[in-house]
Protein backbone atom coordinates (compact mmCIF):
# COMPACT_ATOMS: atom_id res chain seq x y z
CA MET A 1 -76.00 -120.71 25.77
CA ASP A 2 -72.44 -121.69 24.87
CA GLY A 3 -71.53 -121.53 28.54
CA ARG A 4 -73.57 -124.63 29.32
CA SER A 5 -71.69 -127.54 30.75
CA GLU A 6 -73.60 -130.57 29.48
CA PHE A 7 -75.04 -131.39 26.08
CA ILE A 8 -75.53 -135.16 26.46
CA GLY A 9 -79.23 -135.91 26.37
CA GLU A 10 -80.13 -132.73 24.47
CA SER A 11 -82.03 -132.76 21.19
CA VAL A 12 -80.03 -131.11 18.40
CA THR A 13 -80.07 -130.47 14.68
CA VAL A 14 -76.96 -129.81 12.59
CA SER A 15 -77.97 -126.54 10.95
CA HIS A 16 -74.72 -126.09 8.95
CA HIS A 17 -71.66 -128.27 8.30
CA CYS A 18 -68.88 -128.30 5.68
CA ASP A 19 -69.90 -131.90 4.96
CA PRO A 20 -73.31 -131.53 3.23
CA SER A 21 -74.33 -135.08 4.20
CA LEU A 22 -74.40 -133.97 7.87
CA CYS A 23 -76.59 -130.88 7.34
CA GLY A 24 -80.03 -131.49 8.77
CA VAL A 25 -79.02 -134.47 10.91
CA SER A 26 -81.11 -134.34 14.05
CA GLY A 27 -81.48 -136.47 17.12
CA MET A 28 -80.23 -136.80 20.68
CA ILE A 29 -76.63 -136.21 21.73
CA VAL A 30 -75.41 -139.47 23.27
CA ASN A 31 -71.72 -138.65 23.71
CA GLU A 32 -69.25 -135.83 23.33
CA THR A 33 -65.49 -135.41 22.95
CA ARG A 34 -63.39 -132.28 22.61
CA GLU A 35 -63.84 -132.12 18.84
CA THR A 36 -67.00 -134.13 18.15
CA ILE A 37 -70.52 -134.83 19.26
CA ILE A 38 -72.26 -138.15 18.64
CA ILE A 39 -75.89 -137.88 17.65
CA GLU A 40 -78.27 -140.83 17.71
CA SER A 41 -80.59 -140.36 14.76
CA ASN A 42 -83.11 -142.91 13.48
CA GLY A 43 -81.43 -145.78 15.33
CA SER A 44 -77.91 -145.04 14.08
CA LYS A 45 -75.13 -142.95 15.60
CA LYS A 46 -73.43 -140.20 13.64
CA THR A 47 -70.19 -138.54 14.72
CA VAL A 48 -70.17 -134.84 13.85
CA SER A 49 -67.10 -132.66 14.16
CA LYS A 50 -67.81 -129.45 16.09
CA ARG A 51 -65.50 -126.96 14.43
CA PRO A 52 -66.99 -126.58 10.93
CA ALA A 53 -70.55 -126.89 12.24
CA ARG A 54 -73.46 -124.99 13.69
CA PHE A 55 -75.92 -126.75 15.98
CA MET A 56 -79.52 -125.79 16.63
CA PHE A 57 -80.79 -126.50 20.15
CA GLU A 58 -84.22 -125.67 21.54
CA SER A 59 -82.76 -122.55 23.13
CA GLY A 60 -80.86 -121.35 20.07
CA GLU A 61 -78.00 -121.93 17.67
CA ILE A 62 -74.40 -122.54 18.72
CA ILE A 63 -71.30 -122.27 16.57
CA GLY A 64 -69.34 -125.49 17.05
CA SER A 65 -65.95 -123.82 17.55
CA LYS A 66 -67.33 -122.12 20.69
CA ILE A 67 -68.01 -125.48 22.32
CA ALA A 68 -64.89 -127.30 21.04
CA TYR A 69 -63.69 -128.21 24.52
CA ARG A 70 -63.94 -131.36 26.54
CA PRO A 71 -67.08 -131.17 28.73
CA GLN A 72 -65.04 -131.08 31.93
CA ASP A 73 -62.93 -128.20 30.58
CA ARG A 74 -66.06 -126.27 29.63
CA ILE A 75 -67.29 -126.60 33.23
CA LYS A 76 -64.03 -125.02 34.43
CA LYS A 77 -64.45 -122.12 31.98
CA VAL A 78 -68.01 -121.48 33.24
CA LYS A 79 -66.85 -121.41 36.87
CA ALA A 80 -63.81 -119.19 36.17
């Protein structure tokens, strides 16, 4: 699953993070940068760093460091 090119619009739950206040945050991904994803949860937006995190999607769990690329760079890696 980590080869996917687009996460914006996906439902996600933070299954593990080094910041305990972010564990269990769930909602829809509304934006993404190289190092973070922004999750809209209960009307507020939370910025979650990818590298110390694990994310649970409907199709399985992803370790954040495996998706710590800009979306456009991830597309290039999939095509290569």
